[in-house]
N, C-alpha and C. Protein backbone atom coordinates (compact mmCIF):
# COMPACT_ATOMS: atom_id res chain seq x y z
N MET A 1 -171.14 -216.35 131.22
CA MET A 1 -170.96 -217.74 130.84
C MET A 1 -169.47 -218.03 130.63
N ASP A 2 -169.10 -219.16 131.06
CA ASP A 2 -167.71 -219.60 130.96
C ASP A 2 -167.43 -220.07 129.53
N PRO A 3 -166.43 -219.46 128.84
CA PRO A 3 -166.13 -219.88 127.47
C PRO A 3 -165.73 -221.35 127.39
N ASP A 4 -165.05 -221.86 128.41
CA ASP A 4 -164.68 -223.27 128.40
C ASP A 4 -165.93 -224.14 128.48
N ASP A 5 -166.92 -223.69 129.27
CA ASP A 5 -168.18 -224.44 129.38
C ASP A 5 -168.91 -224.44 128.03
N ASP A 6 -168.92 -223.28 127.35
CA ASP A 6 -169.54 -223.20 126.02
C ASP A 6 -168.85 -224.16 125.04
N ALA A 7 -167.54 -224.23 125.10
CA ALA A 7 -166.80 -225.12 124.21
C ALA A 7 -167.12 -226.58 124.52
N ARG A 8 -167.26 -226.89 125.80
CA ARG A 8 -167.59 -228.27 126.19
C ARG A 8 -169.01 -228.63 125.71
N VAL A 9 -169.95 -227.69 125.91
CA VAL A 9 -171.33 -227.92 125.46
C VAL A 9 -171.35 -228.10 123.94
N ALA A 10 -170.62 -227.27 123.23
CA ALA A 10 -170.57 -227.35 121.76
C ALA A 10 -170.00 -228.70 121.32
N ALA A 11 -168.95 -229.15 121.98
CA ALA A 11 -168.34 -230.44 121.62
C ALA A 11 -169.31 -231.59 121.88
N LEU A 12 -169.99 -231.55 123.02
CA LEU A 12 -170.98 -232.60 123.33
C LEU A 12 -172.15 -232.56 122.35
N PHE A 13 -172.56 -231.35 121.99
CA PHE A 13 -173.65 -231.17 121.03
C PHE A 13 -173.29 -231.79 119.68
N VAL A 14 -172.12 -231.46 119.17
CA VAL A 14 -171.66 -231.99 117.88
C VAL A 14 -171.55 -233.52 117.95
N ALA A 15 -171.20 -234.03 119.13
CA ALA A 15 -171.07 -235.48 119.31
C ALA A 15 -172.42 -236.18 119.42
N GLY A 16 -173.50 -235.40 119.49
CA GLY A 16 -174.84 -236.01 119.51
C GLY A 16 -175.41 -236.22 120.90
N GLU A 17 -174.86 -235.56 121.90
CA GLU A 17 -175.37 -235.68 123.27
C GLU A 17 -176.64 -234.84 123.40
N GLN A 18 -177.76 -235.50 123.65
CA GLN A 18 -179.04 -234.79 123.78
C GLN A 18 -179.05 -233.82 124.95
N ALA A 19 -178.33 -234.14 126.02
CA ALA A 19 -178.27 -233.24 127.18
C ALA A 19 -177.67 -231.90 126.78
N ALA A 20 -176.74 -231.90 125.84
CA ALA A 20 -176.14 -230.65 125.37
C ALA A 20 -177.17 -229.80 124.63
N LEU A 21 -178.04 -230.45 123.89
CA LEU A 21 -179.11 -229.72 123.20
C LEU A 21 -180.00 -229.04 124.23
N ARG A 22 -180.31 -229.73 125.30
CA ARG A 22 -181.15 -229.15 126.35
C ARG A 22 -180.47 -227.94 126.99
N VAL A 23 -179.18 -228.05 127.25
CA VAL A 23 -178.42 -226.92 127.81
C VAL A 23 -178.45 -225.75 126.84
N MET A 24 -178.24 -226.04 125.56
CA MET A 24 -178.28 -224.98 124.54
C MET A 24 -179.63 -224.31 124.50
N TYR A 25 -180.68 -225.11 124.54
CA TYR A 25 -182.03 -224.54 124.49
C TYR A 25 -182.27 -223.65 125.71
N ASP A 26 -181.91 -224.14 126.87
CA ASP A 26 -182.09 -223.35 128.09
C ASP A 26 -181.28 -222.06 128.04
N ARG A 27 -180.09 -222.17 127.50
CA ARG A 27 -179.17 -221.03 127.49
C ARG A 27 -179.51 -220.03 126.38
N TYR A 28 -179.80 -220.53 125.18
CA TYR A 28 -179.96 -219.65 124.03
C TYR A 28 -181.38 -219.56 123.49
N GLY A 29 -182.29 -220.35 124.03
CA GLY A 29 -183.68 -220.30 123.58
C GLY A 29 -184.30 -218.92 123.67
N PRO A 30 -184.12 -218.20 124.79
CA PRO A 30 -184.69 -216.85 124.86
C PRO A 30 -184.15 -215.91 123.78
N LEU A 31 -182.85 -216.00 123.50
CA LEU A 31 -182.26 -215.18 122.45
C LEU A 31 -182.87 -215.52 121.09
N VAL A 32 -182.94 -216.80 120.79
CA VAL A 32 -183.50 -217.26 119.52
C VAL A 32 -184.95 -216.79 119.39
N PHE A 33 -185.72 -216.94 120.46
CA PHE A 33 -187.13 -216.52 120.45
C PHE A 33 -187.25 -215.01 120.19
N ARG A 34 -186.44 -214.19 120.88
CA ARG A 34 -186.52 -212.73 120.70
C ARG A 34 -186.20 -212.33 119.25
N ILE A 35 -185.20 -212.97 118.67
CA ILE A 35 -184.86 -212.66 117.27
C ILE A 35 -186.01 -213.07 116.35
N ALA A 36 -186.54 -214.26 116.56
CA ALA A 36 -187.65 -214.74 115.74
C ALA A 36 -188.86 -213.80 115.87
N LEU A 37 -189.17 -213.41 117.08
CA LEU A 37 -190.32 -212.52 117.32
C LEU A 37 -190.11 -211.17 116.63
N ALA A 38 -188.90 -210.66 116.69
CA ALA A 38 -188.62 -209.38 116.03
C ALA A 38 -188.80 -209.47 114.52
N ILE A 39 -188.52 -210.64 113.96
CA ILE A 39 -188.62 -210.79 112.50
C ILE A 39 -190.04 -211.15 112.06
N VAL A 40 -190.66 -212.15 112.71
CA VAL A 40 -191.96 -212.63 112.24
C VAL A 40 -193.14 -211.88 112.85
N GLY A 41 -192.94 -211.29 114.03
CA GLY A 41 -193.95 -210.40 114.58
C GLY A 41 -195.10 -211.01 115.36
N SER A 42 -195.16 -212.33 115.50
CA SER A 42 -196.22 -212.92 116.31
C SER A 42 -195.64 -214.02 117.19
N VAL A 43 -196.19 -214.12 118.38
CA VAL A 43 -195.68 -215.10 119.35
C VAL A 43 -195.80 -216.53 118.82
N PRO A 44 -196.97 -216.95 118.29
CA PRO A 44 -197.05 -218.34 117.81
C PRO A 44 -196.05 -218.64 116.69
N ASP A 45 -195.89 -217.70 115.77
CA ASP A 45 -194.93 -217.91 114.69
C ASP A 45 -193.50 -217.93 115.22
N ALA A 46 -193.20 -217.07 116.19
CA ALA A 46 -191.86 -217.04 116.78
C ALA A 46 -191.59 -218.34 117.54
N GLU A 47 -192.61 -218.89 118.20
CA GLU A 47 -192.44 -220.18 118.88
C GLU A 47 -192.13 -221.28 117.88
N ASP A 48 -192.85 -221.27 116.74
CA ASP A 48 -192.58 -222.25 115.68
C ASP A 48 -191.16 -222.11 115.15
N VAL A 49 -190.74 -220.88 114.91
CA VAL A 49 -189.40 -220.64 114.39
C VAL A 49 -188.34 -221.09 115.40
N THR A 50 -188.59 -220.83 116.67
CA THR A 50 -187.64 -221.25 117.71
C THR A 50 -187.48 -222.76 117.70
N GLN A 51 -188.60 -223.46 117.64
CA GLN A 51 -188.54 -224.92 117.59
C GLN A 51 -187.82 -225.38 116.33
N ASP A 52 -188.18 -224.80 115.18
CA ASP A 52 -187.52 -225.18 113.92
C ASP A 52 -186.02 -224.91 113.97
N THR A 53 -185.63 -223.83 114.64
CA THR A 53 -184.22 -223.49 114.74
C THR A 53 -183.45 -224.58 115.48
N PHE A 54 -183.99 -225.02 116.61
CA PHE A 54 -183.27 -226.03 117.38
C PHE A 54 -183.33 -227.41 116.72
N VAL A 55 -184.41 -227.70 116.02
CA VAL A 55 -184.48 -228.95 115.26
C VAL A 55 -183.44 -228.91 114.14
N SER A 56 -183.37 -227.79 113.43
CA SER A 56 -182.38 -227.65 112.35
C SER A 56 -180.96 -227.73 112.89
N ALA A 57 -180.74 -227.10 114.04
CA ALA A 57 -179.41 -227.15 114.65
C ALA A 57 -179.04 -228.58 115.00
N TRP A 58 -179.98 -229.30 115.58
CA TRP A 58 -179.70 -230.70 115.95
C TRP A 58 -179.38 -231.54 114.72
N ARG A 59 -180.22 -231.39 113.69
CA ARG A 59 -180.01 -232.18 112.48
C ARG A 59 -178.70 -231.82 111.77
N GLY A 60 -178.33 -230.54 111.85
CA GLY A 60 -177.14 -230.09 111.15
C GLY A 60 -175.95 -229.88 112.07
N ARG A 61 -175.98 -230.51 113.23
CA ARG A 61 -174.93 -230.27 114.24
C ARG A 61 -173.53 -230.58 113.72
N SER A 62 -173.43 -231.50 112.78
CA SER A 62 -172.10 -231.86 112.26
C SER A 62 -171.49 -230.71 111.45
N THR A 63 -172.31 -229.73 111.05
CA THR A 63 -171.79 -228.60 110.27
C THR A 63 -171.28 -227.47 111.16
N PHE A 64 -171.53 -227.56 112.47
CA PHE A 64 -171.04 -226.51 113.36
C PHE A 64 -169.52 -226.60 113.48
N ASP A 65 -168.88 -225.47 113.25
CA ASP A 65 -167.42 -225.41 113.35
C ASP A 65 -167.05 -224.34 114.37
N PRO A 66 -166.58 -224.75 115.55
CA PRO A 66 -166.24 -223.77 116.58
C PRO A 66 -165.13 -222.81 116.16
N GLU A 67 -164.33 -223.20 115.19
CA GLU A 67 -163.27 -222.32 114.70
C GLU A 67 -163.86 -221.17 113.87
N ALA A 68 -165.03 -221.41 113.27
CA ALA A 68 -165.66 -220.40 112.40
C ALA A 68 -166.49 -219.40 113.20
N GLY A 69 -166.90 -219.77 114.40
CA GLY A 69 -167.71 -218.86 115.20
C GLY A 69 -168.28 -219.56 116.42
N SER A 70 -168.96 -218.79 117.22
CA SER A 70 -169.52 -219.32 118.46
C SER A 70 -170.85 -220.01 118.21
N LEU A 71 -171.24 -220.82 119.17
CA LEU A 71 -172.53 -221.52 119.09
C LEU A 71 -173.69 -220.53 119.01
N PRO A 72 -173.72 -219.46 119.84
CA PRO A 72 -174.83 -218.50 119.71
C PRO A 72 -174.87 -217.83 118.33
N ALA A 73 -173.71 -217.50 117.78
CA ALA A 73 -173.69 -216.87 116.45
C ALA A 73 -174.23 -217.83 115.39
N TRP A 74 -173.88 -219.10 115.51
CA TRP A 74 -174.37 -220.13 114.58
C TRP A 74 -175.89 -220.24 114.68
N LEU A 75 -176.42 -220.23 115.91
CA LEU A 75 -177.87 -220.30 116.12
C LEU A 75 -178.57 -219.05 115.56
N VAL A 76 -177.94 -217.89 115.70
CA VAL A 76 -178.52 -216.66 115.17
C VAL A 76 -178.67 -216.76 113.64
N GLY A 77 -177.68 -217.31 112.98
CA GLY A 77 -177.78 -217.51 111.53
C GLY A 77 -178.93 -218.43 111.17
N ILE A 78 -179.09 -219.49 111.95
CA ILE A 78 -180.19 -220.43 111.67
C ILE A 78 -181.54 -219.77 111.92
N VAL A 79 -181.68 -219.05 113.03
CA VAL A 79 -182.98 -218.44 113.34
C VAL A 79 -183.35 -217.39 112.29
N ARG A 80 -182.38 -216.69 111.78
CA ARG A 80 -182.69 -215.71 110.72
C ARG A 80 -183.23 -216.40 109.47
N ARG A 81 -182.58 -217.50 109.07
CA ARG A 81 -183.05 -218.24 107.89
C ARG A 81 -184.44 -218.83 108.12
N ARG A 82 -184.65 -219.40 109.28
CA ARG A 82 -185.95 -220.00 109.60
C ARG A 82 -187.04 -218.93 109.68
N SER A 83 -186.70 -217.76 110.17
CA SER A 83 -187.68 -216.66 110.25
C SER A 83 -188.08 -216.20 108.85
N VAL A 84 -187.12 -216.09 107.96
CA VAL A 84 -187.42 -215.71 106.58
C VAL A 84 -188.30 -216.78 105.93
N ASP A 85 -187.98 -218.05 106.17
CA ASP A 85 -188.81 -219.14 105.65
C ASP A 85 -190.24 -219.01 106.17
N GLN A 86 -190.38 -218.70 107.45
CA GLN A 86 -191.71 -218.56 108.06
C GLN A 86 -192.47 -217.40 107.41
N LEU A 87 -191.80 -216.29 107.18
CA LEU A 87 -192.45 -215.15 106.53
C LEU A 87 -192.92 -215.52 105.12
N ARG A 88 -192.11 -216.28 104.41
CA ARG A 88 -192.52 -216.73 103.07
C ARG A 88 -193.75 -217.62 103.15
N ASP A 89 -193.76 -218.54 104.12
CA ASP A 89 -194.91 -219.42 104.30
C ASP A 89 -196.17 -218.61 104.62
N ILE A 90 -196.04 -217.63 105.48
CA ILE A 90 -197.17 -216.78 105.85
C ILE A 90 -197.69 -216.06 104.60
N GLY A 91 -196.78 -215.54 103.79
CA GLY A 91 -197.17 -214.86 102.56
C GLY A 91 -197.90 -215.79 101.60
N ARG A 92 -197.40 -217.02 101.46
CA ARG A 92 -198.07 -218.00 100.59
C ARG A 92 -199.47 -218.32 101.11
N GLN A 93 -199.58 -218.49 102.42
CA GLN A 93 -200.89 -218.79 103.00
C GLN A 93 -201.88 -217.64 102.77
N ARG A 94 -201.40 -216.43 102.95
CA ARG A 94 -202.28 -215.26 102.73
C ARG A 94 -202.72 -215.19 101.27
N ARG A 95 -201.78 -215.42 100.35
CA ARG A 95 -202.14 -215.39 98.93
C ARG A 95 -203.15 -216.48 98.60
N ALA A 96 -202.96 -217.66 99.20
CA ALA A 96 -203.90 -218.76 98.95
C ALA A 96 -205.28 -218.42 99.48
N TRP A 97 -205.35 -217.88 100.70
CA TRP A 97 -206.65 -217.50 101.27
C TRP A 97 -207.32 -216.41 100.46
N THR A 98 -206.52 -215.45 100.00
CA THR A 98 -207.07 -214.37 99.18
C THR A 98 -207.63 -214.94 97.88
N SER A 99 -206.90 -215.86 97.27
CA SER A 99 -207.35 -216.48 96.03
C SER A 99 -208.65 -217.25 96.24
N VAL A 100 -208.72 -218.01 97.31
CA VAL A 100 -209.95 -218.76 97.60
C VAL A 100 -211.11 -217.81 97.85
N ALA A 101 -210.87 -216.77 98.61
CA ALA A 101 -211.93 -215.80 98.91
C ALA A 101 -212.43 -215.13 97.64
N GLN A 102 -211.50 -214.77 96.74
CA GLN A 102 -211.88 -214.15 95.48
C GLN A 102 -212.67 -215.13 94.62
N HIS A 103 -212.27 -216.39 94.63
CA HIS A 103 -212.96 -217.40 93.84
C HIS A 103 -214.40 -217.54 94.31
N PHE A 104 -214.59 -217.65 95.63
CA PHE A 104 -215.95 -217.82 96.14
C PHE A 104 -216.78 -216.56 95.98
N ALA A 105 -216.15 -215.40 96.05
CA ALA A 105 -216.88 -214.15 95.85
C ALA A 105 -217.34 -214.03 94.41
N ALA A 106 -216.57 -214.58 93.47
CA ALA A 106 -216.91 -214.49 92.06
C ALA A 106 -217.99 -215.48 91.64
N MET A 107 -218.20 -216.50 92.44
CA MET A 107 -219.20 -217.51 92.09
C MET A 107 -220.60 -216.96 92.29
N ASP A 108 -221.51 -217.30 91.40
CA ASP A 108 -222.89 -216.89 91.64
C ASP A 108 -223.52 -217.83 92.66
N SER A 109 -224.65 -217.46 93.20
CA SER A 109 -225.24 -218.21 94.31
C SER A 109 -225.64 -219.63 93.92
N SER A 110 -226.13 -219.85 92.70
CA SER A 110 -226.53 -221.20 92.31
C SER A 110 -225.32 -222.11 92.19
N ALA A 111 -224.22 -221.57 91.65
CA ALA A 111 -222.99 -222.37 91.56
C ALA A 111 -222.47 -222.66 92.96
N SER A 112 -222.61 -221.70 93.85
CA SER A 112 -222.17 -221.89 95.22
C SER A 112 -222.97 -222.99 95.90
N VAL A 113 -224.27 -223.00 95.70
CA VAL A 113 -225.12 -224.05 96.29
C VAL A 113 -224.74 -225.40 95.71
N ASP A 114 -224.55 -225.48 94.39
CA ASP A 114 -224.13 -226.73 93.76
C ASP A 114 -222.80 -227.21 94.33
N ASN A 115 -221.89 -226.28 94.53
CA ASN A 115 -220.59 -226.63 95.06
C ASN A 115 -220.71 -227.19 96.48
N VAL A 116 -221.55 -226.57 97.31
CA VAL A 116 -221.74 -227.04 98.68
C VAL A 116 -222.35 -228.44 98.67
N VAL A 117 -223.35 -228.66 97.82
CA VAL A 117 -223.98 -229.97 97.73
C VAL A 117 -222.96 -231.01 97.28
N GLU A 118 -222.16 -230.67 96.27
CA GLU A 118 -221.15 -231.59 95.76
C GLU A 118 -220.12 -231.94 96.83
N ARG A 119 -219.65 -230.94 97.58
CA ARG A 119 -218.67 -231.18 98.65
C ARG A 119 -219.28 -232.06 99.74
N THR A 120 -220.56 -231.85 100.04
CA THR A 120 -221.22 -232.66 101.06
C THR A 120 -221.31 -234.11 100.61
N LEU A 121 -221.65 -234.33 99.35
CA LEU A 121 -221.72 -235.70 98.82
C LEU A 121 -220.35 -236.36 98.85
N VAL A 122 -219.33 -235.63 98.46
CA VAL A 122 -217.98 -236.19 98.47
C VAL A 122 -217.57 -236.52 99.91
N SER A 123 -217.87 -235.64 100.85
CA SER A 123 -217.53 -235.91 102.26
C SER A 123 -218.23 -237.16 102.76
N ASP A 124 -219.50 -237.32 102.41
CA ASP A 124 -220.23 -238.52 102.82
C ASP A 124 -219.60 -239.78 102.23
N GLU A 125 -219.22 -239.71 100.97
CA GLU A 125 -218.60 -240.88 100.33
C GLU A 125 -217.23 -241.17 100.93
N LEU A 126 -216.48 -240.13 101.22
CA LEU A 126 -215.17 -240.32 101.86
C LEU A 126 -215.33 -241.02 103.21
N ALA A 127 -216.36 -240.66 103.94
CA ALA A 127 -216.59 -241.26 105.26
C ALA A 127 -216.85 -242.76 105.16
N ARG A 128 -217.31 -243.23 104.01
CA ARG A 128 -217.58 -244.66 103.81
C ARG A 128 -216.32 -245.46 103.48
N LEU A 129 -215.26 -244.77 103.11
CA LEU A 129 -214.02 -245.47 102.75
C LEU A 129 -213.33 -246.00 104.00
N PRO A 130 -212.49 -247.02 103.84
CA PRO A 130 -211.66 -247.46 104.96
C PRO A 130 -210.79 -246.30 105.44
N GLU A 131 -210.49 -246.28 106.71
CA GLU A 131 -209.76 -245.18 107.35
C GLU A 131 -208.49 -244.79 106.59
N THR A 132 -207.69 -245.78 106.21
CA THR A 132 -206.41 -245.49 105.55
C THR A 132 -206.61 -244.82 104.20
N GLN A 133 -207.54 -245.36 103.39
CA GLN A 133 -207.81 -244.75 102.09
C GLN A 133 -208.36 -243.34 102.25
N ARG A 134 -209.27 -243.16 103.19
CA ARG A 134 -209.85 -241.84 103.41
C ARG A 134 -208.77 -240.84 103.80
N ARG A 135 -207.89 -241.23 104.72
CA ARG A 135 -206.84 -240.33 105.19
C ARG A 135 -205.91 -239.93 104.03
N VAL A 136 -205.55 -240.90 103.21
CA VAL A 136 -204.66 -240.61 102.08
C VAL A 136 -205.34 -239.66 101.09
N LEU A 137 -206.61 -239.91 100.78
CA LEU A 137 -207.32 -239.03 99.84
C LEU A 137 -207.50 -237.62 100.42
N GLU A 138 -207.78 -237.52 101.71
CA GLU A 138 -207.92 -236.21 102.35
C GLU A 138 -206.60 -235.43 102.28
N LEU A 139 -205.50 -236.12 102.55
CA LEU A 139 -204.20 -235.46 102.48
C LEU A 139 -203.90 -235.00 101.04
N ALA A 140 -204.29 -235.83 100.08
CA ALA A 140 -204.02 -235.50 98.68
C ALA A 140 -204.88 -234.34 98.19
N PHE A 141 -206.18 -234.39 98.47
CA PHE A 141 -207.09 -233.43 97.85
C PHE A 141 -207.42 -232.23 98.73
N TYR A 142 -207.57 -232.40 100.01
CA TYR A 142 -207.88 -231.27 100.87
C TYR A 142 -206.62 -230.52 101.28
N ASP A 143 -205.54 -231.26 101.55
CA ASP A 143 -204.30 -230.61 101.97
C ASP A 143 -203.34 -230.36 100.81
N GLY A 144 -203.63 -230.96 99.65
CA GLY A 144 -202.81 -230.73 98.46
C GLY A 144 -201.42 -231.34 98.52
N LEU A 145 -201.26 -232.42 99.27
CA LEU A 145 -199.95 -233.05 99.39
C LEU A 145 -199.68 -233.98 98.20
N THR A 146 -198.42 -234.11 97.85
CA THR A 146 -198.01 -235.05 96.80
C THR A 146 -197.94 -236.45 97.40
N HIS A 147 -197.79 -237.45 96.54
CA HIS A 147 -197.66 -238.83 97.03
C HIS A 147 -196.48 -238.97 97.97
N THR A 148 -195.36 -238.35 97.61
CA THR A 148 -194.16 -238.42 98.44
C THR A 148 -194.39 -237.76 99.80
N GLN A 149 -195.07 -236.61 99.81
CA GLN A 149 -195.35 -235.93 101.07
C GLN A 149 -196.31 -236.76 101.94
N ILE A 150 -197.29 -237.39 101.32
CA ILE A 150 -198.22 -238.24 102.07
C ILE A 150 -197.46 -239.41 102.67
N ALA A 151 -196.57 -240.00 101.89
CA ALA A 151 -195.77 -241.12 102.39
C ALA A 151 -194.95 -240.69 103.61
N ALA A 152 -194.37 -239.52 103.53
CA ALA A 152 -193.58 -239.02 104.67
C ALA A 152 -194.47 -238.76 105.88
N ALA A 153 -195.66 -238.21 105.64
CA ALA A 153 -196.55 -237.87 106.75
C ALA A 153 -197.15 -239.10 107.42
N THR A 154 -197.38 -240.15 106.64
CA THR A 154 -198.05 -241.34 107.18
C THR A 154 -197.10 -242.48 107.50
N GLY A 155 -195.90 -242.43 106.96
CA GLY A 155 -194.95 -243.51 107.16
C GLY A 155 -195.18 -244.69 106.22
N MET A 156 -196.06 -244.51 105.25
CA MET A 156 -196.32 -245.56 104.26
C MET A 156 -195.34 -245.44 103.10
N PRO A 157 -195.05 -246.55 102.42
CA PRO A 157 -194.26 -246.45 101.19
C PRO A 157 -195.04 -245.69 100.11
N VAL A 158 -194.34 -245.04 99.21
CA VAL A 158 -194.98 -244.24 98.16
C VAL A 158 -195.91 -245.12 97.31
N GLY A 159 -195.48 -246.33 97.00
CA GLY A 159 -196.32 -247.23 96.20
C GLY A 159 -197.64 -247.54 96.89
N THR A 160 -197.61 -247.72 98.19
CA THR A 160 -198.84 -247.97 98.95
C THR A 160 -199.74 -246.75 98.91
N VAL A 161 -199.17 -245.56 99.04
CA VAL A 161 -199.96 -244.33 98.96
C VAL A 161 -200.64 -244.25 97.60
N LYS A 162 -199.89 -244.51 96.53
CA LYS A 162 -200.46 -244.45 95.18
C LYS A 162 -201.60 -245.46 95.03
N SER A 163 -201.41 -246.65 95.58
CA SER A 163 -202.46 -247.68 95.51
C SER A 163 -203.71 -247.23 96.26
N HIS A 164 -203.53 -246.66 97.44
CA HIS A 164 -204.68 -246.18 98.21
C HIS A 164 -205.42 -245.08 97.46
N VAL A 165 -204.68 -244.17 96.84
CA VAL A 165 -205.31 -243.10 96.07
C VAL A 165 -206.11 -243.70 94.92
N ARG A 166 -205.47 -244.59 94.17
CA ARG A 166 -206.14 -245.19 93.01
C ARG A 166 -207.39 -245.96 93.42
N ARG A 167 -207.25 -246.85 94.40
CA ARG A 167 -208.41 -247.64 94.84
C ARG A 167 -209.51 -246.77 95.44
N GLY A 168 -209.10 -245.77 96.19
CA GLY A 168 -210.09 -244.87 96.79
C GLY A 168 -210.86 -244.10 95.74
N LEU A 169 -210.16 -243.61 94.72
CA LEU A 169 -210.83 -242.87 93.65
C LEU A 169 -211.76 -243.78 92.85
N ILE A 170 -211.32 -245.00 92.59
CA ILE A 170 -212.18 -245.95 91.88
C ILE A 170 -213.45 -246.20 92.68
N ARG A 171 -213.30 -246.41 93.97
CA ARG A 171 -214.45 -246.66 94.83
C ARG A 171 -215.38 -245.44 94.89
N LEU A 172 -214.81 -244.27 94.99
CA LEU A 172 -215.63 -243.05 94.99
C LEU A 172 -216.37 -242.89 93.66
N ARG A 173 -215.66 -243.16 92.55
CA ARG A 173 -216.30 -243.02 91.24
C ARG A 173 -217.47 -243.99 91.10
N ARG A 174 -217.29 -245.23 91.55
CA ARG A 174 -218.38 -246.22 91.48
C ARG A 174 -219.58 -245.76 92.30
N ARG A 175 -219.30 -245.28 93.52
CA ARG A 175 -220.40 -244.80 94.37
C ARG A 175 -221.09 -243.61 93.71
N TRP A 176 -220.30 -242.72 93.14
CA TRP A 176 -220.85 -241.53 92.50
C TRP A 176 -221.73 -241.93 91.32
N GLU A 177 -221.26 -242.91 90.51
CA GLU A 177 -222.05 -243.38 89.38
C GLU A 177 -223.33 -244.06 89.83
N GLN A 178 -223.26 -244.83 90.92
CA GLN A 178 -224.47 -245.46 91.46
C GLN A 178 -225.46 -244.43 91.95
N ASP A 179 -224.98 -243.42 92.67
CA ASP A 179 -225.86 -242.37 93.17
C ASP A 179 -226.46 -241.57 92.02
N SER A 180 -225.67 -241.34 90.95
CA SER A 180 -226.15 -240.58 89.80
C SER A 180 -227.24 -241.36 89.05
N ALA A 181 -227.15 -242.68 89.07
CA ALA A 181 -228.15 -243.50 88.38
C ALA A 181 -229.52 -243.37 89.05
N PHE A 182 -229.53 -243.09 90.35
CA PHE A 182 -230.80 -242.96 91.07
C PHE A 182 -231.31 -241.54 91.08
N ALA A 183 -230.52 -240.60 90.62
CA ALA A 183 -230.93 -239.18 90.67
C ALA A 183 -231.83 -238.82 89.52
């Protein structure tokens, strides 16, 4: 590779030229992927890390300093950080699954049946809600997202998310109370 060409690509990249990002990906994507794969150990996770690396590079392109190092060296630093982040996420997911599995293993069969019935009733009631309220409640309770995270995921203002949660819960509680009155 021509060092002058690398410098030109780096300058265009820092200036926000999307074509430079494409050149970088074509040129350094295989390197980034190999490093990610060596660290995280699975192809799907390495693919995610590779994508995250180039997204992070694009977003932080103004921090690249050609005087401090080369573009590939800068990308290697990013891929290492993203790989470590991915390993931490994998560890958290494993701990969460282990915790859930232990919880369900500890439950006796009658409590388990009650839990299944309760989840089925909640799912049926959620299905009756308007699409937007249902989606917000699912993100909050099934995915465990905060109001701010839901707002980011849906593009809604945080206040609107809070209103949907509140109204949805009120509606679910009313339905639950009505159903309980007939039981």
